[in-house]
Amino acid sequence: MSASPPQLIKAYTSFDPRVRQLCLVVKRWAKRRCIADPYRGSPSSYAWVLLVINYLQVGDCRVALVRQRLARHRFSYQRA
């Protein structure tokens, strides 16, 4: 099963409100430092969000769950 990128981000951010808040803070931080512009060789704001989610999955805090667990508990994904 797969989800489109916006659905995937929505799933992670709706599971825990802290994830959304942290993603917004990191996006704002990156934009203010001009390091969220893929046309200039830096990651996009979407890439920064993915980095935040990855960190939350593998870091010590483990706030964001893996997608498969989310799918089993709250969301049903349809094949694209």
PDB file of N, CA and C in Angstrom:
ATOM      1  N   MET A   1       0.830  -1.169   0.000  1.00  0.00           N
ATOM      2  CA  MET A   1       0.000   0.000   0.000  1.00  0.00           C
ATOM      3  C   MET A   1       0.879   1.239   0.000  1.00  0.00           C
ATOM      4  N   SER A   2       0.422   2.257  -0.696  1.00  0.00           N
ATOM      5  CA  SER A   2       1.198   3.489  -0.720  1.00  0.00           C
ATOM      6  C   SER A   2       0.261   4.684  -0.591  1.00  0.00           C
ATOM      7  N   ALA A   3       0.808   5.762  -0.128  1.00  0.00           N
ATOM      8  CA  ALA A   3       0.051   6.999   0.036  1.00  0.00           C
ATOM      9  C   ALA A   3       0.791   8.105  -0.687  1.00  0.00           C
ATOM     10  N   SER A   4       0.043   9.090  -1.128  1.00  0.00           N
ATOM     11  CA  SER A   4       0.688  10.229  -1.773  1.00  0.00           C
ATOM     12  C   SER A   4       1.437  11.022  -0.707  1.00  0.00           C
ATOM     13  N   PRO A   5       2.433  11.800  -1.093  1.00  0.00           N
ATOM     14  CA  PRO A   5       3.207  12.564  -0.101  1.00  0.00           C
ATOM     15  C   PRO A   5       2.367  13.420   0.837  1.00  0.00           C
ATOM     16  N   PRO A   6       1.371  14.181   0.330  1.00  0.00           N
ATOM     17  CA  PRO A   6       0.575  14.976   1.287  1.00  0.00           C
ATOM     18  C   PRO A   6      -0.194  14.109   2.284  1.00  0.00           C
ATOM     19  N   GLN A   7      -0.709  12.962   1.835  1.00  0.00           N
ATOM     20  CA  GLN A   7      -1.419  12.067   2.744  1.00  0.00           C
ATOM     21  C   GLN A   7      -0.479  11.508   3.801  1.00  0.00           C
ATOM     22  N   LEU A   8       0.720  11.186   3.386  1.00  0.00           N
ATOM     23  CA  LEU A   8       1.695  10.634   4.315  1.00  0.00           C
ATOM     24  C   LEU A   8       2.061  11.648   5.392  1.00  0.00           C
ATOM     25  N   ILE A   9       2.343  12.872   4.992  1.00  0.00           N
ATOM     26  CA  ILE A   9       2.675  13.922   5.965  1.00  0.00           C
ATOM     27  C   ILE A   9       1.485  14.176   6.872  1.00  0.00           C
ATOM     28  N   LYS A  10       0.300  14.220   6.304  1.00  0.00           N
ATOM     29  CA  LYS A  10      -0.906  14.437   7.113  1.00  0.00           C
ATOM     30  C   LYS A  10      -1.076  13.322   8.139  1.00  0.00           C
ATOM     31  N   ALA A  11      -0.797  12.098   7.741  1.00  0.00           N
ATOM     32  CA  ALA A  11      -0.922  10.971   8.661  1.00  0.00           C
ATOM     33  C   ALA A  11       0.040  11.121   9.839  1.00  0.00           C
ATOM     34  N   TYR A  12       1.278  11.436   9.561  1.00  0.00           N
ATOM     35  CA  TYR A  12       2.260  11.584  10.641  1.00  0.00           C
ATOM     36  C   TYR A  12       1.940  12.767  11.544  1.00  0.00           C
ATOM     37  N   THR A  13       1.533  13.882  10.948  1.00  0.00           N
ATOM     38  CA  THR A  13       1.292  15.073  11.762  1.00  0.00           C
ATOM     39  C   THR A  13      -0.011  15.006  12.535  1.00  0.00           C
ATOM     40  N   SER A  14      -0.979  14.241  12.062  1.00  0.00           N
ATOM     41  CA  SER A  14      -2.236  14.140  12.800  1.00  0.00           C
ATOM     42  C   SER A  14      -2.149  13.131  13.939  1.00  0.00           C
ATOM     43  N   PHE A  15      -1.204  12.232  13.879  1.00  0.00           N
ATOM     44  CA  PHE A  15      -1.063  11.231  14.936  1.00  0.00           C
ATOM     45  C   PHE A  15      -0.584  11.861  16.240  1.00  0.00           C
ATOM     46  N   ASP A  16       0.298  12.834  16.127  1.00  0.00           N
ATOM     47  CA  ASP A  16       0.841  13.514  17.307  1.00  0.00           C
ATOM     48  C   ASP A  16       1.023  14.986  16.954  1.00  0.00           C
ATOM     49  N   PRO A  17       0.328  15.904  17.640  1.00  0.00           N
ATOM     50  CA  PRO A  17       0.414  17.330  17.284  1.00  0.00           C
ATOM     51  C   PRO A  17       1.819  17.906  17.410  1.00  0.00           C
ATOM     52  N   ARG A  18       2.668  17.304  18.212  1.00  0.00           N
ATOM     53  CA  ARG A  18       4.039  17.802  18.350  1.00  0.00           C
ATOM     54  C   ARG A  18       4.822  17.640  17.055  1.00  0.00           C
ATOM     55  N   VAL A  19       4.492  16.618  16.277  1.00  0.00           N
ATOM     56  CA  VAL A  19       5.182  16.393  15.001  1.00  0.00           C
ATOM     57  C   VAL A  19       4.910  17.559  14.058  1.00  0.00           C
ATOM     58  N   ARG A  20       3.667  17.972  13.951  1.00  0.00           N
ATOM     59  CA  ARG A  20       3.313  19.099  13.085  1.00  0.00           C
ATOM     60  C   ARG A  20       4.017  20.370  13.536  1.00  0.00           C
ATOM     61  N   GLN A  21       4.003  20.628  14.826  1.00  0.00           N
ATOM     62  CA  GLN A  21       4.641  21.831  15.354  1.00  0.00           C
ATOM     63  C   GLN A  21       6.131  21.841  15.044  1.00  0.00           C
ATOM     64  N   LEU A  22       6.786  20.723  15.258  1.00  0.00           N
ATOM     65  CA  LEU A  22       8.225  20.651  14.992  1.00  0.00           C
ATOM     66  C   LEU A  22       8.509  20.814  13.503  1.00  0.00           C
ATOM     67  N   CYS A  23       7.693  20.213  12.662  1.00  0.00           N
ATOM     68  CA  CYS A  23       7.884  20.362  11.217  1.00  0.00           C
ATOM     69  C   CYS A  23       7.761  21.822  10.795  1.00  0.00           C
ATOM     70  N   LEU A  24       6.776  22.516  11.325  1.00  0.00           N
ATOM     71  CA  LEU A  24       6.602  23.929  10.984  1.00  0.00           C
ATOM     72  C   LEU A  24       7.773  24.776  11.468  1.00  0.00           C
ATOM     73  N   VAL A  25       8.269  24.488  12.651  1.00  0.00           N
ATOM     74  CA  VAL A  25       9.414  25.232  13.185  1.00  0.00           C
ATOM     75  C   VAL A  25      10.646  25.008  12.315  1.00  0.00           C
ATOM     76  N   VAL A  26      10.899  23.764  11.931  1.00  0.00           N
ATOM     77  CA  VAL A  26      12.076  23.460  11.113  1.00  0.00           C
ATOM     78  C   VAL A  26      11.938  24.085   9.726  1.00  0.00           C
ATOM     79  N   LYS A  27      10.738  24.032   9.129  1.00  0.00           N
ATOM     80  CA  LYS A  27      10.536  24.670   7.829  1.00  0.00           C
ATOM     81  C   LYS A  27      10.792  26.169   7.908  1.00  0.00           C
ATOM     82  N   ARG A  28      10.270  26.819   8.931  1.00  0.00           N
ATOM     83  CA  ARG A  28      10.469  28.262   9.099  1.00  0.00           C
ATOM     84  C   ARG A  28      11.950  28.569   9.311  1.00  0.00           C
ATOM     85  N   TRP A  29      12.607  27.767  10.140  1.00  0.00           N
ATOM     86  CA  TRP A  29      14.041  27.949  10.403  1.00  0.00           C
ATOM     87  C   TRP A  29      14.843  27.835   9.104  1.00  0.00           C
ATOM     88  N   ALA A  30      14.544  26.816   8.309  1.00  0.00           N
ATOM     89  CA  ALA A  30      15.288  26.600   7.069  1.00  0.00           C
ATOM     90  C   ALA A  30      15.038  27.727   6.059  1.00  0.00           C
ATOM     91  N   LYS A  31      13.798  28.181   5.977  1.00  0.00           N
ATOM     92  CA  LYS A  31      13.493  29.266   5.031  1.00  0.00           C
ATOM     93  C   LYS A  31      14.173  30.567   5.435  1.00  0.00           C
ATOM     94  N   ARG A  32      14.210  30.860   6.723  1.00  0.00           N
ATOM     95  CA  ARG A  32      14.858  32.096   7.178  1.00  0.00           C
ATOM     96  C   ARG A  32      16.363  32.076   6.942  1.00  0.00           C
ATOM     97  N   ARG A  33      16.945  30.918   6.916  1.00  0.00           N
ATOM     98  CA  ARG A  33      18.379  30.800   6.670  1.00  0.00           C
ATOM     99  C   ARG A  33      18.702  30.525   5.207  1.00  0.00           C
ATOM    100  N   CYS A  34      17.678  30.589   4.381  1.00  0.00           N
ATOM    101  CA  CYS A  34      17.823  30.378   2.929  1.00  0.00           C
ATOM    102  C   CYS A  34      18.445  29.026   2.597  1.00  0.00           C
ATOM    103  N   ILE A  35      18.037  28.012   3.348  1.00  0.00           N
ATOM    104  CA  ILE A  35      18.531  26.663   3.067  1.00  0.00           C
ATOM    105  C   ILE A  35      17.365  25.724   2.761  1.00  0.00           C
ATOM    106  N   ALA A  36      16.266  26.292   2.240  1.00  0.00           N
ATOM    107  CA  ALA A  36      15.115  25.497   1.813  1.00  0.00           C
ATOM    108  C   ALA A  36      14.747  25.878   0.390  1.00  0.00           C
ATOM    109  N   ASP A  37      15.743  25.910  -0.470  1.00  0.00           N
ATOM    110  CA  ASP A  37      15.532  26.317  -1.853  1.00  0.00           C
ATOM    111  C   ASP A  37      16.229  25.318  -2.776  1.00  0.00           C
ATOM    112  N   PRO A  38      15.487  24.346  -3.302  1.00  0.00           N
ATOM    113  CA  PRO A  38      16.121  23.323  -4.136  1.00  0.00           C
ATOM    114  C   PRO A  38      16.738  23.869  -5.424  1.00  0.00           C
ATOM    115  N   TYR A  39      16.275  25.030  -5.864  1.00  0.00           N
ATOM    116  CA  TYR A  39      16.835  25.622  -7.081  1.00  0.00           C
ATOM    117  C   TYR A  39      18.242  26.157  -6.857  1.00  0.00           C
ATOM    118  N   ARG A  40      18.611  26.324  -5.602  1.00  0.00           N
ATOM    119  CA  ARG A  40      19.969  26.775  -5.263  1.00  0.00           C
ATOM    120  C   ARG A  40      20.811  25.657  -4.665  1.00  0.00           C
ATOM    121  N   GLY A  41      20.306  24.449  -4.738  1.00  0.00           N
ATOM    122  CA  GLY A  41      21.089  23.298  -4.305  1.00  0.00           C
ATOM    123  C   GLY A  41      20.845  22.845  -2.879  1.00  0.00           C
ATOM    124  N   SER A  42      19.891  23.437  -2.190  1.00  0.00           N
ATOM    125  CA  SER A  42      19.599  22.987  -0.821  1.00  0.00           C
ATOM    126  C   SER A  42      18.311  22.162  -0.823  1.00  0.00           C
ATOM    127  N   PRO A  43      18.055  21.430   0.243  1.00  0.00           N
ATOM    128  CA  PRO A  43      16.832  20.605   0.297  1.00  0.00           C
ATOM    129  C   PRO A  43      15.572  21.478   0.256  1.00  0.00           C
ATOM    130  N   SER A  44      14.501  20.910  -0.253  1.00  0.00           N
ATOM    131  CA  SER A  44      13.215  21.613  -0.264  1.00  0.00           C
ATOM    132  C   SER A  44      12.601  21.569   1.136  1.00  0.00           C
ATOM    133  N   SER A  45      11.548  22.343   1.332  1.00  0.00           N
ATOM    134  CA  SER A  45      10.884  22.323   2.635  1.00  0.00           C
ATOM    135  C   SER A  45      10.265  20.950   2.892  1.00  0.00           C
ATOM    136  N   TYR A  46       9.818  20.286   1.836  1.00  0.00           N
ATOM    137  CA  TYR A  46       9.292  18.917   1.982  1.00  0.00           C
ATOM    138  C   TYR A  46      10.392  17.969   2.468  1.00  0.00           C
ATOM    139  N   ALA A  47      11.587  18.127   1.933  1.00  0.00           N
ATOM    140  CA  ALA A  47      12.712  17.293   2.373  1.00  0.00           C
ATOM    141  C   ALA A  47      13.036  17.538   3.838  1.00  0.00           C
ATOM    142  N   TRP A  48      12.943  18.794   4.285  1.00  0.00           N
ATOM    143  CA  TRP A  48      13.173  19.083   5.700  1.00  0.00           C
ATOM    144  C   TRP A  48      12.142  18.382   6.570  1.00  0.00           C
ATOM    145  N   VAL A  49      10.886  18.372   6.117  1.00  0.00           N
ATOM    146  CA  VAL A  49       9.831  17.685   6.874  1.00  0.00           C
ATOM    147  C   VAL A  49      10.126  16.192   6.948  1.00  0.00           C
ATOM    148  N   LEU A  50      10.555  15.609   5.845  1.00  0.00           N
ATOM    149  CA  LEU A  50      10.904  14.179   5.856  1.00  0.00           C
ATOM    150  C   LEU A  50      12.070  13.899   6.794  1.00  0.00           C
ATOM    151  N   LEU A  51      13.033  14.803   6.839  1.00  0.00           N
ATOM    152  CA  LEU A  51      14.150  14.637   7.768  1.00  0.00           C
ATOM    153  C   LEU A  51      13.681  14.676   9.223  1.00  0.00           C
ATOM    154  N   VAL A  52      12.756  15.579   9.524  1.00  0.00           N
ATOM    155  CA  VAL A  52      12.203  15.669  10.884  1.00  0.00           C
ATOM    156  C   VAL A  52      11.500  14.367  11.243  1.00  0.00           C
ATOM    157  N   ILE A  53      10.662  13.877  10.338  1.00  0.00           N
ATOM    158  CA  ILE A  53       9.925  12.643  10.610  1.00  0.00           C
ATOM    159  C   ILE A  53      10.880  11.468  10.771  1.00  0.00           C
ATOM    160  N   ASN A  54      11.892  11.404   9.932  1.00  0.00           N
ATOM    161  CA  ASN A  54      12.874  10.330  10.061  1.00  0.00           C
ATOM    162  C   ASN A  54      13.588  10.398  11.404  1.00  0.00           C
ATOM    163  N   TYR A  55      13.987  11.590  11.795  1.00  0.00           N
ATOM    164  CA  TYR A  55      14.653  11.740  13.089  1.00  0.00           C
ATOM    165  C   TYR A  55      13.745  11.285  14.224  1.00  0.00           C
ATOM    166  N   LEU A  56      12.484  11.654  14.146  1.00  0.00           N
ATOM    167  CA  LEU A  56      11.552  11.272  15.204  1.00  0.00           C
ATOM    168  C   LEU A  56      11.293   9.764  15.227  1.00  0.00           C
ATOM    169  N   GLN A  57      11.485   9.097  14.095  1.00  0.00           N
ATOM    170  CA  GLN A  57      11.295   7.650  14.042  1.00  0.00           C
ATOM    171  C   GLN A  57      12.503   6.895  14.589  1.00  0.00           C
ATOM    172  N   VAL A  58      13.700   7.383  14.308  1.00  0.00           N
ATOM    173  CA  VAL A  58      14.890   6.618  14.664  1.00  0.00           C
ATOM    174  C   VAL A  58      15.643   7.185  15.860  1.00  0.00           C
ATOM    175  N   GLY A  59      15.302   8.416  16.258  1.00  0.00           N
ATOM    176  CA  GLY A  59      15.984   9.041  17.384  1.00  0.00           C
ATOM    177  C   GLY A  59      15.576   8.435  18.713  1.00  0.00           C
ATOM    178  N   ASP A  60      16.135   8.945  19.769  1.00  0.00           N
ATOM    179  CA  ASP A  60      15.850   8.429  21.102  1.00  0.00           C
ATOM    180  C   ASP A  60      14.412   8.668  21.547  1.00  0.00           C
ATOM    181  N   CYS A  61      13.796   9.750  21.064  1.00  0.00           N
ATOM    182  CA  CYS A  61      12.452  10.091  21.546  1.00  0.00           C
ATOM    183  C   CYS A  61      11.359   9.238  20.901  1.00  0.00           C
ATOM    184  N   ARG A  62      11.544   8.798  19.672  1.00  0.00           N
ATOM    185  CA  ARG A  62      10.598   7.948  18.941  1.00  0.00           C
ATOM    186  C   ARG A  62       9.160   8.443  19.024  1.00  0.00           C
ATOM    187  N   VAL A  63       8.962   9.691  18.643  1.00  0.00           N
ATOM    188  CA  VAL A  63       7.625  10.291  18.683  1.00  0.00           C
ATOM    189  C   VAL A  63       6.780   9.803  17.520  1.00  0.00           C
ATOM    190  N   ALA A  64       7.305   9.845  16.321  1.00  0.00           N
ATOM    191  CA  ALA A  64       6.552   9.436  15.137  1.00  0.00           C
ATOM    192  C   ALA A  64       6.689   7.929  14.937  1.00  0.00           C
ATOM    193  N   LEU A  65       5.573   7.287  14.766  1.00  0.00           N
ATOM    194  CA  LEU A  65       5.593   5.854  14.530  1.00  0.00           C
ATOM    195  C   LEU A  65       5.865   5.559  13.068  1.00  0.00           C
ATOM    196  N   VAL A  66       6.226   4.332  12.783  1.00  0.00           N
ATOM    197  CA  VAL A  66       6.445   3.947  11.397  1.00  0.00           C
ATOM    198  C   VAL A  66       5.108   3.883  10.675  1.00  0.00           C
ATOM    199  N   ARG A  67       5.133   4.102   9.380  1.00  0.00           N
ATOM    200  CA  ARG A  67       3.913   4.193   8.586  1.00  0.00           C
ATOM    201  C   ARG A  67       3.049   2.941   8.678  1.00  0.00           C
ATOM    202  N   GLN A  68       3.661   1.784   8.735  1.00  0.00           N
ATOM    203  CA  GLN A  68       2.894   0.553   8.793  1.00  0.00           C
ATOM    204  C   GLN A  68       2.055   0.493  10.073  1.00  0.00           C
ATOM    205  N   ARG A  69       2.588   0.975  11.171  1.00  0.00           N
ATOM    206  CA  ARG A  69       1.815   0.998  12.412  1.00  0.00           C
ATOM    207  C   ARG A  69       0.674   1.995  12.320  1.00  0.00           C
ATOM    208  N   LEU A  70       0.929   3.147  11.705  1.00  0.00           N
ATOM    209  CA  LEU A  70      -0.126   4.131  11.518  1.00  0.00           C
ATOM    210  C   LEU A  70      -1.259   3.548  10.678  1.00  0.00           C
ATOM    211  N   ALA A  71      -0.897   2.853   9.621  1.00  0.00           N
ATOM    212  CA  ALA A  71      -1.898   2.289   8.717  1.00  0.00           C
ATOM    213  C   ALA A  71      -2.767   1.274   9.446  1.00  0.00           C
ATOM    214  N   ARG A  72      -2.174   0.472  10.281  1.00  0.00           N
ATOM    215  CA  ARG A  72      -2.943  -0.542  11.005  1.00  0.00           C
ATOM    216  C   ARG A  72      -3.886   0.077  12.016  1.00  0.00           C
ATOM    217  N   HIS A  73      -3.464   1.167  12.654  1.00  0.00           N
ATOM    218  CA  HIS A  73      -4.246   1.719  13.748  1.00  0.00           C
ATOM    219  C   HIS A  73      -5.286   2.746  13.330  1.00  0.00           C
ATOM    220  N   ARG A  74      -4.954   3.645  12.412  1.00  0.00           N
ATOM    221  CA  ARG A  74      -5.864   4.754  12.148  1.00  0.00           C
ATOM    222  C   ARG A  74      -6.203   4.992  10.691  1.00  0.00           C
ATOM    223  N   PHE A  75      -5.336   4.610   9.784  1.00  0.00           N
ATOM    224  CA  PHE A  75      -5.502   5.022   8.405  1.00  0.00           C
ATOM    225  C   PHE A  75      -5.531   3.813   7.487  1.00  0.00           C
ATOM    226  N   SER A  76      -6.286   3.940   6.450  1.00  0.00           N
ATOM    227  CA  SER A  76      -6.257   2.907   5.411  1.00  0.00           C
ATOM    228  C   SER A  76      -5.757   3.557   4.132  1.00  0.00           C
ATOM    229  N   TYR A  77      -4.708   3.019   3.583  1.00  0.00           N
ATOM    230  CA  TYR A  77      -4.132   3.552   2.365  1.00  0.00           C
ATOM    231  C   TYR A  77      -4.623   2.718   1.189  1.00  0.00           C
ATOM    232  N   GLN A  78      -4.861   3.385   0.071  1.00  0.00           N
ATOM    233  CA  GLN A  78      -5.286   2.687  -1.126  1.00  0.00           C
ATOM    234  C   GLN A  78      -4.124   2.652  -2.102  1.00  0.00           C
ATOM    235  N   ARG A  79      -4.126   1.611  -2.912  1.00  0.00           N
ATOM    236  CA  ARG A  79      -3.062   1.502  -3.924  1.00  0.00           C
ATOM    237  C   ARG A  79      -3.211   2.599  -4.955  1.00  0.00           C
ATOM    238  N   ALA A  80      -2.064   3.120  -5.373  1.00  0.00           N
ATOM    239  CA  ALA A  80      -2.085   4.200  -6.371  1.00  0.00           C
ATOM    240  C   ALA A  80      -2.212   3.633  -7.765  1.00  0.00           C
TER     241      ALA A  80
END
